[in-house]
Amino acid sequence: HLAQKFGFSYRNVTIKNAKTRWGSCSATNNINLSLHLMRLPQH
């Protein structure tokens, strides 16, 4: 949704149990997100 809204392109989204980083983006535009984002406020 946010990629379409702001005109970004990416390859894949991977959900991980990351406990040191909220997220990361690889050199090939694969996005990794921590499942702990679900504890954050929406904004």
Full PDB file with SEQRES, HELIX, SHEET, SSBOND, CRYST1, ORIGX, SCALE, CONECT and MASTER records, all heavy atoms in Angstrom:
SEQRES   1 A   43  HIS LEU ALA GLN LYS PHE GLY PHE SER TYR ARG ASN VAL          
SEQRES   2 A   43  THR ILE LYS ASN ALA LYS THR ARG TRP GLY SER CYS SER          
SEQRES   3 A   43  ALA THR ASN ASN ILE ASN LEU SER LEU HIS LEU MET ARG          
SEQRES   4 A   43  LEU PRO GLN HIS                                              
HELIX    1 AA1 LEU A    2  PHE A    6  1                                   5    
HELIX    2 AA2 LEU A   35  ARG A   39  5                                   5    
SHEET    1 AA1 3 VAL A  13  LYS A  16  0                                        
SHEET    2 AA1 3 ILE A  31  SER A  34  1                                        
SHEET    3 AA1 3 GLY A  23  CYS A  25 -1                                        
CRYST1    1.000    1.000    1.000  90.00  90.00  90.00 P 1           1          
ORIGX1      1.000000  0.000000  0.000000        0.00000                         
ORIGX2      0.000000  1.000000  0.000000        0.00000                         
ORIGX3      0.000000  0.000000  1.000000        0.00000                         
SCALE1      1.000000  0.000000  0.000000        0.00000                         
SCALE2      0.000000  1.000000  0.000000        0.00000                         
SCALE3      0.000000  0.000000  1.000000        0.00000                         
ATOM      1  N   HIS A   1       0.827  -1.211   0.000  1.00  0.00           N  
ATOM      2  CA  HIS A   1       0.000   0.000   0.000  1.00  0.00           C  
ATOM      3  C   HIS A   1       0.863   1.263   0.000  1.00  0.00           C  
ATOM      4  O   HIS A   1       0.651   2.180  -0.813  1.00  0.00           O  
ATOM      5  CB  HIS A   1      -0.921  -0.017   1.217  1.00  0.00           C  
ATOM      6  CG  HIS A   1      -1.582   1.304   1.493  1.00  0.00           C  
ATOM      7  ND1 HIS A   1      -2.567   1.832   0.677  1.00  0.00           N  
ATOM      8  CD2 HIS A   1      -1.373   2.228   2.485  1.00  0.00           C  
ATOM      9  CE1 HIS A   1      -2.949   3.007   1.157  1.00  0.00           C  
ATOM     10  NE2 HIS A   1      -2.242   3.277   2.245  1.00  0.00           N  
ATOM     11  N   LEU A   2       1.861   1.320   0.892  1.00  0.00           N  
ATOM     12  CA  LEU A   2       2.697   2.516   0.993  1.00  0.00           C  
ATOM     13  C   LEU A   2       3.630   2.659  -0.219  1.00  0.00           C  
ATOM     14  O   LEU A   2       3.912   3.775  -0.662  1.00  0.00           O  
ATOM     15  CB  LEU A   2       3.507   2.478   2.289  1.00  0.00           C  
ATOM     16  CG  LEU A   2       2.677   2.630   3.573  1.00  0.00           C  
ATOM     17  CD1 LEU A   2       3.546   2.429   4.810  1.00  0.00           C  
ATOM     18  CD2 LEU A   2       1.986   3.990   3.620  1.00  0.00           C  
ATOM     19  N   ALA A   3       4.078   1.535  -0.764  1.00  0.00           N  
ATOM     20  CA  ALA A   3       4.927   1.589  -1.964  1.00  0.00           C  
ATOM     21  C   ALA A   3       4.147   2.166  -3.140  1.00  0.00           C  
ATOM     22  O   ALA A   3       4.657   3.004  -3.898  1.00  0.00           O  
ATOM     23  CB  ALA A   3       5.452   0.197  -2.297  1.00  0.00           C  
ATOM     24  N   GLN A   4       2.907   1.723  -3.294  1.00  0.00           N  
ATOM     25  CA  GLN A   4       2.072   2.241  -4.382  1.00  0.00           C  
ATOM     26  C   GLN A   4       1.747   3.721  -4.166  1.00  0.00           C  
ATOM     27  O   GLN A   4       1.788   4.530  -5.097  1.00  0.00           O  
ATOM     28  CB  GLN A   4       0.784   1.430  -4.478  1.00  0.00           C  
ATOM     29  CG  GLN A   4      -0.121   1.854  -5.641  1.00  0.00           C  
ATOM     30  CD  GLN A   4      -1.365   0.990  -5.733  1.00  0.00           C  
ATOM     31  OE1 GLN A   4      -1.808   0.411  -4.746  1.00  0.00           O  
ATOM     32  NE2 GLN A   4      -1.924   0.896  -6.931  1.00  0.00           N  
ATOM     33  N   LYS A   5       1.470   4.089  -2.930  1.00  0.00           N  
ATOM     34  CA  LYS A   5       1.104   5.471  -2.613  1.00  0.00           C  
ATOM     35  C   LYS A   5       2.236   6.454  -2.928  1.00  0.00           C  
ATOM     36  O   LYS A   5       1.995   7.556  -3.438  1.00  0.00           O  
ATOM     37  CB  LYS A   5       0.728   5.562  -1.133  1.00  0.00           C  
ATOM     38  CG  LYS A   5       0.330   6.963  -0.688  1.00  0.00           C  
ATOM     39  CD  LYS A   5      -0.091   6.959   0.786  1.00  0.00           C  
ATOM     40  CE  LYS A   5      -0.466   8.371   1.245  1.00  0.00           C  
ATOM     41  NZ  LYS A   5      -0.899   8.377   2.673  1.00  0.00           N  
ATOM     42  N   PHE A   6       3.489   6.044  -2.657  1.00  0.00           N  
ATOM     43  CA  PHE A   6       4.619   6.966  -2.818  1.00  0.00           C  
ATOM     44  C   PHE A   6       5.530   6.620  -4.000  1.00  0.00           C  
ATOM     45  O   PHE A   6       6.573   7.234  -4.180  1.00  0.00           O  
ATOM     46  CB  PHE A   6       5.438   7.007  -1.525  1.00  0.00           C  
ATOM     47  CG  PHE A   6       4.708   7.635  -0.374  1.00  0.00           C  
ATOM     48  CD1 PHE A   6       4.175   6.843   0.644  1.00  0.00           C  
ATOM     49  CD2 PHE A   6       4.506   9.010  -0.311  1.00  0.00           C  
ATOM     50  CE1 PHE A   6       3.494   7.424   1.714  1.00  0.00           C  
ATOM     51  CE2 PHE A   6       3.828   9.593   0.744  1.00  0.00           C  
ATOM     52  CZ  PHE A   6       3.313   8.799   1.760  1.00  0.00           C  
ATOM     53  N   GLY A   7       5.142   5.619  -4.786  1.00  0.00           N  
ATOM     54  CA  GLY A   7       5.870   5.328  -6.016  1.00  0.00           C  
ATOM     55  C   GLY A   7       7.167   4.567  -5.853  1.00  0.00           C  
ATOM     56  O   GLY A   7       8.110   4.766  -6.617  1.00  0.00           O  
ATOM     57  N   PHE A   8       7.233   3.644  -4.909  1.00  0.00           N  
ATOM     58  CA  PHE A   8       8.429   2.815  -4.714  1.00  0.00           C  
ATOM     59  C   PHE A   8       8.205   1.427  -5.315  1.00  0.00           C  
ATOM     60  O   PHE A   8       7.066   0.964  -5.432  1.00  0.00           O  
ATOM     61  CB  PHE A   8       8.746   2.653  -3.226  1.00  0.00           C  
ATOM     62  CG  PHE A   8       9.199   3.907  -2.544  1.00  0.00           C  
ATOM     63  CD1 PHE A   8       8.328   4.618  -1.729  1.00  0.00           C  
ATOM     64  CD2 PHE A   8      10.489   4.382  -2.721  1.00  0.00           C  
ATOM     65  CE1 PHE A   8       8.730   5.772  -1.089  1.00  0.00           C  
ATOM     66  CE2 PHE A   8      10.909   5.539  -2.084  1.00  0.00           C  
ATOM     67  CZ  PHE A   8      10.031   6.237  -1.274  1.00  0.00           C  
ATOM     68  N   SER A   9       9.295   0.779  -5.654  1.00  0.00           N  
ATOM     69  CA  SER A   9       9.230  -0.625  -6.079  1.00  0.00           C  
ATOM     70  C   SER A   9      10.223  -1.430  -5.250  1.00  0.00           C  
ATOM     71  O   SER A   9      11.272  -0.930  -4.855  1.00  0.00           O  
ATOM     72  CB  SER A   9       9.542  -0.759  -7.572  1.00  0.00           C  
ATOM     73  OG  SER A   9      10.839  -0.294  -7.853  1.00  0.00           O  
ATOM     74  N   TYR A  10       9.874  -2.676  -4.971  1.00  0.00           N  
ATOM     75  CA  TYR A  10      10.720  -3.574  -4.168  1.00  0.00           C  
ATOM     76  C   TYR A  10      10.483  -4.984  -4.663  1.00  0.00           C  
ATOM     77  O   TYR A  10       9.589  -5.240  -5.487  1.00  0.00           O  
ATOM     78  CB  TYR A  10      10.354  -3.440  -2.680  1.00  0.00           C  
ATOM     79  CG  TYR A  10       8.922  -3.808  -2.380  1.00  0.00           C  
ATOM     80  CD1 TYR A  10       8.574  -5.094  -1.974  1.00  0.00           C  
ATOM     81  CD2 TYR A  10       7.889  -2.872  -2.541  1.00  0.00           C  
ATOM     82  CE1 TYR A  10       7.256  -5.431  -1.727  1.00  0.00           C  
ATOM     83  CE2 TYR A  10       6.564  -3.207  -2.303  1.00  0.00           C  
ATOM     84  CZ  TYR A  10       6.261  -4.489  -1.888  1.00  0.00           C  
ATOM     85  OH  TYR A  10       4.956  -4.838  -1.665  1.00  0.00           O  
ATOM     86  N   ARG A  11      11.271  -5.919  -4.171  1.00  0.00           N  
ATOM     87  CA  ARG A  11      11.138  -7.298  -4.642  1.00  0.00           C  
ATOM     88  C   ARG A  11      10.244  -8.136  -3.714  1.00  0.00           C  
ATOM     89  O   ARG A  11       9.147  -8.505  -4.069  1.00  0.00           O  
ATOM     90  CB  ARG A  11      12.517  -7.940  -4.772  1.00  0.00           C  
ATOM     91  CG  ARG A  11      13.367  -7.300  -5.874  1.00  0.00           C  
ATOM     92  CD  ARG A  11      14.694  -8.025  -6.051  1.00  0.00           C  
ATOM     93  NE  ARG A  11      14.494  -9.383  -6.535  1.00  0.00           N  
ATOM     94  CZ  ARG A  11      15.475 -10.272  -6.683  1.00  0.00           C  
ATOM     95  NH1 ARG A  11      16.727  -9.951  -6.372  1.00  0.00           N  
ATOM     96  NH2 ARG A  11      15.216 -11.476  -7.141  1.00  0.00           N  
ATOM     97  N   ASN A  12      10.733  -8.437  -2.519  1.00  0.00           N  
ATOM     98  CA  ASN A  12       9.987  -9.306  -1.607  1.00  0.00           C  
ATOM     99  C   ASN A  12       9.956  -8.705  -0.206  1.00  0.00           C  
ATOM    100  O   ASN A  12      10.816  -7.903   0.161  1.00  0.00           O  
ATOM    101  CB  ASN A  12      10.641 -10.697  -1.534  1.00  0.00           C  
ATOM    102  CG  ASN A  12      10.659 -11.391  -2.878  1.00  0.00           C  
ATOM    103  OD1 ASN A  12       9.616 -11.605  -3.482  1.00  0.00           O  
ATOM    104  ND2 ASN A  12      11.848 -11.737  -3.356  1.00  0.00           N  
ATOM    105  N   VAL A  13       8.987  -9.156   0.584  1.00  0.00           N  
ATOM    106  CA  VAL A  13       8.917  -8.799   1.998  1.00  0.00           C  
ATOM    107  C   VAL A  13       9.049 -10.084   2.815  1.00  0.00           C  
ATOM    108  O   VAL A  13       8.313 -11.049   2.587  1.00  0.00           O  
ATOM    109  CB  VAL A  13       7.582  -8.109   2.347  1.00  0.00           C  
ATOM    110  CG1 VAL A  13       7.505  -7.839   3.859  1.00  0.00           C  
ATOM    111  CG2 VAL A  13       7.423  -6.811   1.573  1.00  0.00           C  
ATOM    112  N   THR A  14       9.984 -10.079   3.759  1.00  0.00           N  
ATOM    113  CA  THR A  14      10.197 -11.229   4.635  1.00  0.00           C  
ATOM    114  C   THR A  14       9.990 -10.797   6.079  1.00  0.00           C  
ATOM    115  O   THR A  14      10.502  -9.757   6.494  1.00  0.00           O  
ATOM    116  CB  THR A  14      11.618 -11.798   4.470  1.00  0.00           C  
ATOM    117  OG1 THR A  14      11.816 -12.167   3.097  1.00  0.00           O  
ATOM    118  CG2 THR A  14      11.825 -13.022   5.346  1.00  0.00           C  
ATOM    119  N   ILE A  15       9.233 -11.598   6.817  1.00  0.00           N  
ATOM    120  CA  ILE A  15       8.983 -11.315   8.228  1.00  0.00           C  
ATOM    121  C   ILE A  15       9.916 -12.182   9.066  1.00  0.00           C  
ATOM    122  O   ILE A  15       9.975 -13.404   8.894  1.00  0.00           O  
ATOM    123  CB  ILE A  15       7.523 -11.622   8.612  1.00  0.00           C  
ATOM    124  CG1 ILE A  15       6.551 -10.935   7.637  1.00  0.00           C  
ATOM    125  CG2 ILE A  15       7.260 -11.208  10.051  1.00  0.00           C  
ATOM    126  CD1 ILE A  15       6.683  -9.437   7.570  1.00  0.00           C  
ATOM    127  N   LYS A  16      10.650 -11.548   9.982  1.00  0.00           N  
ATOM    128  CA  LYS A  16      11.598 -12.273  10.825  1.00  0.00           C  
ATOM    129  C   LYS A  16      11.379 -11.928  12.296  1.00  0.00           C  
ATOM    130  O   LYS A  16      10.831 -10.876  12.621  1.00  0.00           O  
ATOM    131  CB  LYS A  16      13.038 -11.923  10.433  1.00  0.00           C  
ATOM    132  CG  LYS A  16      13.404 -12.338   9.012  1.00  0.00           C  
ATOM    133  CD  LYS A  16      14.866 -12.036   8.719  1.00  0.00           C  
ATOM    134  CE  LYS A  16      15.249 -12.527   7.333  1.00  0.00           C  
ATOM    135  NZ  LYS A  16      16.688 -12.283   7.044  1.00  0.00           N  
ATOM    136  N   ASN A  17      11.836 -12.812  13.157  1.00  0.00           N  
ATOM    137  CA  ASN A  17      11.787 -12.542  14.599  1.00  0.00           C  
ATOM    138  C   ASN A  17      13.060 -11.789  14.989  1.00  0.00           C  
ATOM    139  O   ASN A  17      13.838 -12.229  15.829  1.00  0.00           O  
ATOM    140  CB  ASN A  17      11.653 -13.842  15.391  1.00  0.00           C  
ATOM    141  CG  ASN A  17      11.475 -13.587  16.875  1.00  0.00           C  
ATOM    142  OD1 ASN A  17      11.150 -12.482  17.297  1.00  0.00           O  
ATOM    143  ND2 ASN A  17      11.705 -14.605  17.675  1.00  0.00           N  
ATOM    144  N   ALA A  18      13.264 -10.642  14.354  1.00  0.00           N  
ATOM    145  CA  ALA A  18      14.473  -9.847  14.584  1.00  0.00           C  
ATOM    146  C   ALA A  18      14.343  -9.087  15.896  1.00  0.00           C  
ATOM    147  O   ALA A  18      13.324  -8.450  16.149  1.00  0.00           O  
ATOM    148  CB  ALA A  18      14.696  -8.881  13.424  1.00  0.00           C  
ATOM    149  N   LYS A  19      15.387  -9.139  16.708  1.00  0.00           N  
ATOM    150  CA  LYS A  19      15.360  -8.484  18.013  1.00  0.00           C  
ATOM    151  C   LYS A  19      16.463  -7.443  18.152  1.00  0.00           C  
ATOM    152  O   LYS A  19      16.719  -6.943  19.244  1.00  0.00           O  
ATOM    153  CB  LYS A  19      15.442  -9.531  19.117  1.00  0.00           C  
ATOM    154  CG  LYS A  19      14.216 -10.443  19.137  1.00  0.00           C  
ATOM    155  CD  LYS A  19      14.292 -11.487  20.214  1.00  0.00           C  
ATOM    156  CE  LYS A  19      13.033 -12.354  20.213  1.00  0.00           C  
ATOM    157  NZ  LYS A  19      13.075 -13.418  21.228  1.00  0.00           N  
ATOM    158  N   THR A  20      17.109  -7.133  17.038  1.00  0.00           N  
ATOM    159  CA  THR A  20      18.128  -6.076  17.062  1.00  0.00           C  
ATOM    160  C   THR A  20      17.817  -4.968  16.067  1.00  0.00           C  
ATOM    161  O   THR A  20      18.360  -3.879  16.182  1.00  0.00           O  
ATOM    162  CB  THR A  20      19.519  -6.649  16.742  1.00  0.00           C  
ATOM    163  OG1 THR A  20      19.487  -7.308  15.465  1.00  0.00           O  
ATOM    164  CG2 THR A  20      19.959  -7.639  17.809  1.00  0.00           C  
ATOM    165  N   ARG A  21      16.935  -5.231  15.085  1.00  0.00           N  
ATOM    166  CA  ARG A  21      16.585  -4.213  14.090  1.00  0.00           C  
ATOM    167  C   ARG A  21      15.101  -4.309  13.776  1.00  0.00           C  
ATOM    168  O   ARG A  21      14.538  -5.394  13.659  1.00  0.00           O  
ATOM    169  CB  ARG A  21      17.389  -4.411  12.797  1.00  0.00           C  
ATOM    170  CG  ARG A  21      18.891  -4.406  12.987  1.00  0.00           C  
ATOM    171  CD  ARG A  21      19.619  -4.658  11.680  1.00  0.00           C  
ATOM    172  NE  ARG A  21      19.557  -3.512  10.787  1.00  0.00           N  
ATOM    173  CZ  ARG A  21      20.156  -3.462   9.597  1.00  0.00           C  
ATOM    174  NH1 ARG A  21      20.819  -4.509   9.150  1.00  0.00           N  
ATOM    175  NH2 ARG A  21      20.068  -2.379   8.861  1.00  0.00           N  
ATOM    176  N   TRP A  22      14.469  -3.147  13.598  1.00  0.00           N  
ATOM    177  CA  TRP A  22      13.070  -3.124  13.200  1.00  0.00           C  
ATOM    178  C   TRP A  22      12.893  -3.592  11.761  1.00  0.00           C  
ATOM    179  O   TRP A  22      11.882  -4.203  11.423  1.00  0.00           O  
ATOM    180  CB  TRP A  22      12.508  -1.712  13.324  1.00  0.00           C  
ATOM    181  CG  TRP A  22      12.401  -1.196  14.717  1.00  0.00           C  
ATOM    182  CD1 TRP A  22      13.147  -0.202  15.290  1.00  0.00           C  
ATOM    183  CD2 TRP A  22      11.490  -1.624  15.733  1.00  0.00           C  
ATOM    184  NE1 TRP A  22      12.756   0.009  16.590  1.00  0.00           N  
ATOM    185  CE2 TRP A  22      11.724  -0.849  16.887  1.00  0.00           C  
ATOM    186  CE3 TRP A  22      10.475  -2.587  15.777  1.00  0.00           C  
ATOM    187  CZ2 TRP A  22      11.008  -1.008  18.072  1.00  0.00           C  
ATOM    188  CZ3 TRP A  22       9.752  -2.754  16.961  1.00  0.00           C  
ATOM    189  CH2 TRP A  22      10.023  -1.964  18.082  1.00  0.00           C  
ATOM    190  N   GLY A  23      13.862  -3.270  10.914  1.00  0.00           N  
ATOM    191  CA  GLY A  23      13.755  -3.652   9.511  1.00  0.00           C  
ATOM    192  C   GLY A  23      15.063  -3.419   8.788  1.00  0.00           C  
ATOM    193  O   GLY A  23      15.995  -2.819   9.325  1.00  0.00           O  
ATOM    194  N   SER A  24      15.130  -3.902   7.549  1.00  0.00           N  
ATOM    195  CA  SER A  24      16.305  -3.686   6.710  1.00  0.00           C  
ATOM    196  C   SER A  24      15.895  -3.826   5.252  1.00  0.00           C  
ATOM    197  O   SER A  24      14.851  -4.406   4.936  1.00  0.00           O  
ATOM    198  CB  SER A  24      17.426  -4.681   7.041  1.00  0.00           C  
ATOM    199  OG  SER A  24      17.004  -6.013   6.775  1.00  0.00           O  
ATOM    200  N   CYS A  25      16.735  -3.273   4.379  1.00  0.00           N  
ATOM    201  CA  CYS A  25      16.510  -3.372   2.939  1.00  0.00           C  
ATOM    202  C   CYS A  25      17.807  -3.813   2.292  1.00  0.00           C  
ATOM    203  O   CYS A  25      18.858  -3.198   2.509  1.00  0.00           O  
ATOM    204  CB  CYS A  25      16.061  -2.023   2.366  1.00  0.00           C  
ATOM    205  SG  CYS A  25      15.802  -2.027   0.579  1.00  0.00           S  
ATOM    206  N   SER A  26      17.767  -4.889   1.526  1.00  0.00           N  
ATOM    207  CA  SER A  26      18.986  -5.435   0.923  1.00  0.00           C  
ATOM    208  C   SER A  26      19.385  -4.634  -0.315  1.00  0.00           C  
ATOM    209  O   SER A  26      18.627  -3.784  -0.808  1.00  0.00           O  
ATOM    210  CB  SER A  26      18.764  -6.896   0.533  1.00  0.00           C  
ATOM    211  OG  SER A  26      17.903  -6.977  -0.596  1.00  0.00           O  
ATOM    212  N   ALA A  27      20.549  -4.934  -0.816  1.00  0.00           N  
ATOM    213  CA  ALA A  27      21.047  -4.262  -2.022  1.00  0.00           C  
ATOM    214  C   ALA A  27      20.155  -4.535  -3.227  1.00  0.00           C  
ATOM    215  O   ALA A  27      20.110  -3.748  -4.172  1.00  0.00           O  
ATOM    216  CB  ALA A  27      22.474  -4.712  -2.304  1.00  0.00           C  
ATOM    217  N   THR A  28      19.434  -5.666  -3.186  1.00  0.00           N  
ATOM    218  CA  THR A  28      18.534  -6.024  -4.297  1.00  0.00           C  
ATOM    219  C   THR A  28      17.079  -5.654  -3.993  1.00  0.00           C  
ATOM    220  O   THR A  28      16.152  -6.171  -4.618  1.00  0.00           O  
ATOM    221  CB  THR A  28      18.647  -7.522  -4.608  1.00  0.00           C  
ATOM    222  OG1 THR A  28      18.406  -8.283  -3.407  1.00  0.00           O  
ATOM    223  CG2 THR A  28      20.035  -7.861  -5.146  1.00  0.00           C  
ATOM    224  N   ASN A  29      16.875  -4.802  -2.994  1.00  0.00           N  
ATOM    225  CA  ASN A  29      15.548  -4.272  -2.630  1.00  0.00           C  
ATOM    226  C   ASN A  29      14.586  -5.316  -2.071  1.00  0.00           C  
ATOM    227  O   ASN A  29      13.370  -5.227  -2.268  1.00  0.00           O  
ATOM    228  CB  ASN A  29      14.913  -3.548  -3.810  1.00  0.00           C  
ATOM    229  CG  ASN A  29      15.660  -2.274  -4.154  1.00  0.00           C  
ATOM    230  OD1 ASN A  29      16.423  -1.750  -3.333  1.00  0.00           O  
ATOM    231  ND2 ASN A  29      15.454  -1.768  -5.357  1.00  0.00           N  
ATOM    232  N   ASN A  30      15.142  -6.308  -1.370  1.00  0.00           N  
ATOM    233  CA  ASN A  30      14.312  -7.188  -0.557  1.00  0.00           C  
ATOM    234  C   ASN A  30      14.161  -6.550   0.826  1.00  0.00           C  
ATOM    235  O   ASN A  30      15.163  -6.137   1.427  1.00  0.00           O  
ATOM    236  CB  ASN A  30      14.957  -8.572  -0.421  1.00  0.00           C  
ATOM    237  CG  ASN A  30      14.896  -9.351  -1.712  1.00  0.00           C  
ATOM    238  OD1 ASN A  30      13.843  -9.439  -2.337  1.00  0.00           O  
ATOM    239  ND2 ASN A  30      16.014  -9.924  -2.124  1.00  0.00           N  
ATOM    240  N   ILE A  31      12.951  -6.464   1.314  1.00  0.00           N  
ATOM    241  CA  ILE A  31      12.688  -5.803   2.586  1.00  0.00           C  
ATOM    242  C   ILE A  31      12.432  -6.847   3.668  1.00  0.00           C  
ATOM    243  O   ILE A  31      11.608  -7.747   3.498  1.00  0.00           O  
ATOM    244  CB  ILE A  31      11.492  -4.848   2.459  1.00  0.00           C  
ATOM    245  CG1 ILE A  31      11.867  -3.671   1.544  1.00  0.00           C  
ATOM    246  CG2 ILE A  31      11.043  -4.342   3.829  1.00  0.00           C  
ATOM    247  CD1 ILE A  31      10.739  -2.700   1.282  1.00  0.00           C  
ATOM    248  N   ASN A  32      13.163  -6.727   4.771  1.00  0.00           N  
ATOM    249  CA  ASN A  32      12.979  -7.589   5.930  1.00  0.00           C  
ATOM    250  C   ASN A  32      12.378  -6.756   7.058  1.00  0.00           C  
ATOM    251  O   ASN A  32      12.863  -5.660   7.342  1.00  0.00           O  
ATOM    252  CB  ASN A  32      14.318  -8.172   6.392  1.00  0.00           C  
ATOM    253  CG  ASN A  32      14.992  -8.984   5.319  1.00  0.00           C  
ATOM    254  OD1 ASN A  32      14.388  -9.899   4.764  1.00  0.00           O  
ATOM    255  ND2 ASN A  32      16.229  -8.654   5.007  1.00  0.00           N  
ATOM    256  N   LEU A  33      11.341  -7.278   7.693  1.00  0.00           N  
ATOM    257  CA  LEU A  33      10.681  -6.564   8.776  1.00  0.00           C  
ATOM    258  C   LEU A  33      10.567  -7.459  10.006  1.00  0.00           C  
ATOM    259  O   LEU A  33      10.315  -8.660   9.893  1.00  0.00           O  
ATOM    260  CB  LEU A  33       9.291  -6.098   8.348  1.00  0.00           C  
ATOM    261  CG  LEU A  33       9.234  -5.090   7.198  1.00  0.00           C  
ATOM    262  CD1 LEU A  33       7.795  -4.843   6.787  1.00  0.00           C  
ATOM    263  CD2 LEU A  33       9.915  -3.775   7.580  1.00  0.00           C  
ATOM    264  N   SER A  34      10.749  -6.856  11.174  1.00  0.00           N  
ATOM    265  CA  SER A  34      10.594  -7.596  12.425  1.00  0.00           C  
ATOM    266  C   SER A  34       9.115  -7.764  12.753  1.00  0.00           C  
ATOM    267  O   SER A  34       8.322  -6.827  12.619  1.00  0.00           O  
ATOM    268  CB  SER A  34      11.289  -6.855  13.568  1.00  0.00           C  
ATOM    269  OG  SER A  34      10.962  -7.439  14.811  1.00  0.00           O  
ATOM    270  N   LEU A  35       8.748  -8.954  13.214  1.00  0.00           N  
ATOM    271  CA  LEU A  35       7.359  -9.181  13.612  1.00  0.00           C  
ATOM    272  C   LEU A  35       6.969  -8.299  14.805  1.00  0.00           C  
ATOM    273  O   LEU A  35       5.785  -8.067  15.061  1.00  0.00           O  
ATOM    274  CB  LEU A  35       7.114 -10.658  13.920  1.00  0.00           C  
ATOM    275  CG  LEU A  35       7.959 -11.347  14.995  1.00  0.00           C  
ATOM    276  CD1 LEU A  35       7.336 -11.171  16.367  1.00  0.00           C  
ATOM    277  CD2 LEU A  35       8.111 -12.836  14.684  1.00  0.00           C  
ATOM    278  N   HIS A  36       7.966  -7.754  15.514  1.00  0.00           N  
ATOM    279  CA  HIS A  36       7.690  -6.899  16.667  1.00  0.00           C  
ATOM    280  C   HIS A  36       7.164  -5.522  16.268  1.00  0.00           C  
ATOM    281  O   HIS A  36       6.765  -4.737  17.142  1.00  0.00           O  
ATOM    282  CB  HIS A  36       8.943  -6.779  17.539  1.00  0.00           C  
ATOM    283  CG  HIS A  36       9.381  -8.093  18.096  1.00  0.00           C  
ATOM    284  ND1 HIS A  36       8.785  -8.669  19.183  1.00  0.00           N  
ATOM    285  CD2 HIS A  36      10.333  -8.971  17.677  1.00  0.00           C  
ATOM    286  CE1 HIS A  36       9.359  -9.839  19.432  1.00  0.00           C  
ATOM    287  NE2 HIS A  36      10.300 -10.035  18.529  1.00  0.00           N  
ATOM    288  N   LEU A  37       7.139  -5.242  14.971  1.00  0.00           N  
ATOM    289  CA  LEU A  37       6.476  -4.021  14.503  1.00  0.00           C  
ATOM    290  C   LEU A  37       5.002  -3.998  14.904  1.00  0.00           C  
ATOM    291  O   LEU A  37       4.399  -2.926  15.025  1.00  0.00           O  
ATOM    292  CB  LEU A  37       6.577  -3.904  12.982  1.00  0.00           C  
ATOM    293  CG  LEU A  37       7.925  -3.498  12.388  1.00  0.00           C  
ATOM    294  CD1 LEU A  37       7.872  -3.582  10.874  1.00  0.00           C  
ATOM    295  CD2 LEU A  37       8.317  -2.112  12.831  1.00  0.00           C  
ATOM    296  N   MET A  38       4.430  -5.181  15.106  1.00  0.00           N  
ATOM    297  CA  MET A  38       3.017  -5.252  15.448  1.00  0.00           C  
ATOM    298  C   MET A  38       2.724  -4.732  16.859  1.00  0.00           C  
ATOM    299  O   MET A  38       1.572  -4.592  17.226  1.00  0.00           O  
ATOM    300  CB  MET A  38       2.509  -6.700  15.312  1.00  0.00           C  
ATOM    301  CG  MET A  38       2.698  -7.296  13.916  1.00  0.00           C  
ATOM    302  SD  MET A  38       2.062  -6.233  12.597  1.00  0.00           S  
ATOM    303  CE  MET A  38       0.318  -6.259  12.945  1.00  0.00           C  
ATOM    304  N   ARG A  39       3.760  -4.422  17.621  1.00  0.00           N  
ATOM    305  CA  ARG A  39       3.575  -3.834  18.944  1.00  0.00           C  
ATOM    306  C   ARG A  39       3.701  -2.316  18.926  1.00  0.00           C  
ATOM    307  O   ARG A  39       3.506  -1.646  19.943  1.00  0.00           O  
ATOM    308  CB  ARG A  39       4.600  -4.428  19.919  1.00  0.00           C  
ATOM    309  CG  ARG A  39       4.329  -5.860  20.307  1.00  0.00           C  
ATOM    310  CD  ARG A  39       3.228  -5.967  21.341  1.00  0.00           C  
ATOM    311  NE  ARG A  39       3.693  -5.525  22.639  1.00  0.00           N  
ATOM    312  CZ  ARG A  39       3.112  -4.591  23.373  1.00  0.00           C  
ATOM    313  NH1 ARG A  39       2.033  -3.985  22.927  1.00  0.00           N  
ATOM    314  NH2 ARG A  39       3.583  -4.248  24.537  1.00  0.00           N  
ATOM    315  N   LEU A  40       4.067  -1.772  17.766  1.00  0.00           N  
ATOM    316  CA  LEU A  40       4.242  -0.329  17.649  1.00  0.00           C  
ATOM    317  C   LEU A  40       2.918   0.366  17.321  1.00  0.00           C  
ATOM    318  O   LEU A  40       2.044  -0.233  16.696  1.00  0.00           O  
ATOM    319  CB  LEU A  40       5.243  -0.002  16.543  1.00  0.00           C  
ATOM    320  CG  LEU A  40       6.716  -0.310  16.787  1.00  0.00           C  
ATOM    321  CD1 LEU A  40       7.524   0.027  15.536  1.00  0.00           C  
ATOM    322  CD2 LEU A  40       7.255   0.452  17.979  1.00  0.00           C  
ATOM    323  N   PRO A  41       2.794   1.646  17.687  1.00  0.00           N  
ATOM    324  CA  PRO A  41       1.651   2.423  17.195  1.00  0.00           C  
ATOM    325  C   PRO A  41       1.674   2.473  15.667  1.00  0.00           C  
ATOM    326  O   PRO A  41       2.737   2.356  15.045  1.00  0.00           O  
ATOM    327  CB  PRO A  41       1.898   3.817  17.796  1.00  0.00           C  
ATOM    328  CG  PRO A  41       2.834   3.613  18.923  1.00  0.00           C  
ATOM    329  CD  PRO A  41       3.676   2.428  18.563  1.00  0.00           C  
ATOM    330  N   GLN A  42       0.511   2.648  15.081  1.00  0.00           N  
ATOM    331  CA  GLN A  42       0.381   2.618  13.622  1.00  0.00           C  
ATOM    332  C   GLN A  42       1.358   3.557  12.919  1.00  0.00           C  
ATOM    333  O   GLN A  42       2.008   3.189  11.945  1.00  0.00           O  
ATOM    334  CB  GLN A  42      -1.051   2.981  13.231  1.00  0.00           C  
ATOM    335  CG  GLN A  42      -1.310   3.015  11.734  1.00  0.00           C  
ATOM    336  CD  GLN A  42      -1.239   1.641  11.114  1.00  0.00           C  
ATOM    337  OE1 GLN A  42      -1.919   0.741  11.575  1.00  0.00           O  
ATOM    338  NE2 GLN A  42      -0.422   1.464  10.089  1.00  0.00           N  
ATOM    339  N   HIS A  43       1.488   4.802  13.411  1.00  0.00           N  
ATOM    340  CA  HIS A  43       2.314   5.780  12.700  1.00  0.00           C  
ATOM    341  C   HIS A  43       3.792   5.412  12.742  1.00  0.00           C  
ATOM    342  O   HIS A  43       4.526   5.688  11.790  1.00  0.00           O  
ATOM    343  CB  HIS A  43       2.077   7.195  13.252  1.00  0.00           C  
ATOM    344  CG  HIS A  43       2.592   7.417  14.636  1.00  0.00           C  
ATOM    345  ND1 HIS A  43       2.007   6.849  15.754  1.00  0.00           N  
ATOM    346  CD2 HIS A  43       3.652   8.157  15.090  1.00  0.00           C  
ATOM    347  CE1 HIS A  43       2.661   7.233  16.834  1.00  0.00           C  
ATOM    348  NE2 HIS A  43       3.669   8.021  16.460  1.00  0.00           N  
TER     349      HIS A  43                                                      
MASTER        0    0    0    2    3    0    0    6  348    1    0    4          
END                                                                             
